[in-house]
């Protein structure tokens, strides 16, 4: 059986994948912290699909609608 050699570009993609996964998790944490500081129950908003990019506008509209009677700062 021929020995497999991983090409350099695949190794670079693997490094980028790890980096972007880390950055995505970091941004997700920052968004969750901001929402929680403003009284939003983040766990109640999640549907568990992990597809937040598909529902961002809908989620923001829901948060704004539910907090219409609450003073939310621009922090």
C-alpha atoms as a PDB file:
ATOM      1  CA  UNK A   1       0.000   0.000   0.000  1.00  0.00           C
ATOM      2  CA  UNK A   2       1.254   3.453  -0.971  1.00  0.00           C
ATOM      3  CA  UNK A   3       2.125   5.766   1.940  1.00  0.00           C
ATOM      4  CA  UNK A   4      -0.125   8.815   2.111  1.00  0.00           C
ATOM      5  CA  UNK A   5       1.566  12.221   2.126  1.00  0.00           C
ATOM      6  CA  UNK A   6      -0.639  15.142   3.183  1.00  0.00           C
ATOM      7  CA  UNK A   7      -0.014  18.093   0.838  1.00  0.00           C
ATOM      8  CA  UNK A   8       1.123  21.409   2.292  1.00  0.00           C
ATOM      9  CA  UNK A   9      -2.036  23.214   1.149  1.00  0.00           C
ATOM     10  CA  UNK A  10      -4.203  20.689   3.026  1.00  0.00           C
ATOM     11  CA  UNK A  11      -2.111  21.238   6.148  1.00  0.00           C
ATOM     12  CA  UNK A  12      -2.594  24.991   5.716  1.00  0.00           C
ATOM     13  CA  UNK A  13      -6.354  24.506   5.343  1.00  0.00           C
ATOM     14  CA  UNK A  14      -6.351  22.446   8.528  1.00  0.00           C
ATOM     15  CA  UNK A  15      -4.579  25.269  10.370  1.00  0.00           C
ATOM     16  CA  UNK A  16      -7.075  27.804   8.987  1.00  0.00           C
ATOM     17  CA  UNK A  17      -9.999  25.597   9.986  1.00  0.00           C
ATOM     18  CA  UNK A  18      -8.705  25.423  13.551  1.00  0.00           C
ATOM     19  CA  UNK A  19      -8.110  29.193  13.630  1.00  0.00           C
ATOM     20  CA  UNK A  20     -11.562  30.093  12.287  1.00  0.00           C
ATOM     21  CA  UNK A  21     -13.230  27.639  14.647  1.00  0.00           C
ATOM     22  CA  UNK A  22     -11.475  29.349  17.546  1.00  0.00           C
ATOM     23  CA  UNK A  23     -12.447  32.820  16.293  1.00  0.00           C
ATOM     24  CA  UNK A  24     -16.070  31.756  15.763  1.00  0.00           C
ATOM     25  CA  UNK A  25     -16.256  30.404  19.311  1.00  0.00           C
ATOM     26  CA  UNK A  26     -14.716  33.615  20.646  1.00  0.00           C
ATOM     27  CA  UNK A  27     -17.224  35.800  18.775  1.00  0.00           C
ATOM     28  CA  UNK A  28     -20.106  33.576  19.855  1.00  0.00           C
ATOM     29  CA  UNK A  29     -19.015  33.969  23.485  1.00  0.00           C
ATOM     30  CA  UNK A  30     -18.852  37.768  23.145  1.00  0.00           C
ATOM     31  CA  UNK A  31     -22.324  37.939  21.584  1.00  0.00           C
ATOM     32  CA  UNK A  32     -23.757  35.662  24.281  1.00  0.00           C
ATOM     33  CA  UNK A  33     -22.155  37.764  27.042  1.00  0.00           C
ATOM     34  CA  UNK A  34     -23.584  40.989  25.573  1.00  0.00           C
ATOM     35  CA  UNK A  35     -27.055  39.479  25.256  1.00  0.00           C
ATOM     36  CA  UNK A  36     -26.954  38.079  28.801  1.00  0.00           C
ATOM     37  CA  UNK A  37     -25.807  41.460  30.192  1.00  0.00           C
ATOM     38  CA  UNK A  38     -28.918  42.927  28.602  1.00  0.00           C
ATOM     39  CA  UNK A  39     -31.267  40.379  30.119  1.00  0.00           C
ATOM     40  CA  UNK A  40     -31.623  38.002  27.174  1.00  0.00           C
ATOM     41  CA  UNK A  41     -31.840  34.303  28.054  1.00  0.00           C
ATOM     42  CA  UNK A  42     -29.443  32.972  25.423  1.00  0.00           C
ATOM     43  CA  UNK A  43     -30.185  29.317  26.158  1.00  0.00           C
ATOM     44  CA  UNK A  44     -33.899  29.875  25.583  1.00  0.00           C
ATOM     45  CA  UNK A  45     -33.174  31.361  22.151  1.00  0.00           C
ATOM     46  CA  UNK A  46     -31.100  28.489  20.842  1.00  0.00           C
ATOM     47  CA  UNK A  47     -32.734  25.771  18.798  1.00  0.00           C
ATOM     48  CA  UNK A  48     -29.580  23.653  19.009  1.00  0.00           C
ATOM     49  CA  UNK A  49     -29.086  23.518  15.253  1.00  0.00           C
ATOM     50  CA  UNK A  50     -25.833  25.463  15.263  1.00  0.00           C
ATOM     51  CA  UNK A  51     -27.044  27.393  12.214  1.00  0.00           C
ATOM     52  CA  UNK A  52     -27.131  30.849  13.743  1.00  0.00           C
ATOM     53  CA  UNK A  53     -26.044  32.520  10.546  1.00  0.00           C
ATOM     54  CA  UNK A  54     -29.332  31.508   8.931  1.00  0.00           C
ATOM     55  CA  UNK A  55     -31.546  33.042  11.604  1.00  0.00           C
ATOM     56  CA  UNK A  56     -29.661  36.156  12.723  1.00  0.00           C
ATOM     57  CA  UNK A  57     -32.220  38.684  11.454  1.00  0.00           C
ATOM     58  CA  UNK A  58     -35.145  36.697  12.828  1.00  0.00           C
ATOM     59  CA  UNK A  59     -33.375  36.270  16.167  1.00  0.00           C
ATOM     60  CA  UNK A  60     -32.561  39.989  16.444  1.00  0.00           C
ATOM     61  CA  UNK A  61     -36.162  40.915  15.612  1.00  0.00           C
ATOM     62  CA  UNK A  62     -37.408  38.504  18.292  1.00  0.00           C
ATOM     63  CA  UNK A  63     -35.022  39.896  20.914  1.00  0.00           C
ATOM     64  CA  UNK A  64     -35.983  43.484  20.059  1.00  0.00           C
ATOM     65  CA  UNK A  65     -39.710  42.658  20.101  1.00  0.00           C
ATOM     66  CA  UNK A  66     -39.467  40.876  23.476  1.00  0.00           C
ATOM     67  CA  UNK A  67     -37.445  43.683  24.998  1.00  0.00           C
ATOM     68  CA  UNK A  68     -39.650  46.493  23.669  1.00  0.00           C
ATOM     69  CA  UNK A  69     -40.703  47.387  27.220  1.00  0.00           C
ATOM     70  CA  UNK A  70     -37.195  47.093  28.649  1.00  0.00           C
ATOM     71  CA  UNK A  71     -34.537  49.820  28.558  1.00  0.00           C
ATOM     72  CA  UNK A  72     -31.709  48.297  26.493  1.00  0.00           C
ATOM     73  CA  UNK A  73     -28.573  50.419  26.163  1.00  0.00           C
ATOM     74  CA  UNK A  74     -26.309  50.497  23.129  1.00  0.00           C
ATOM     75  CA  UNK A  75     -23.417  49.018  25.125  1.00  0.00           C
END
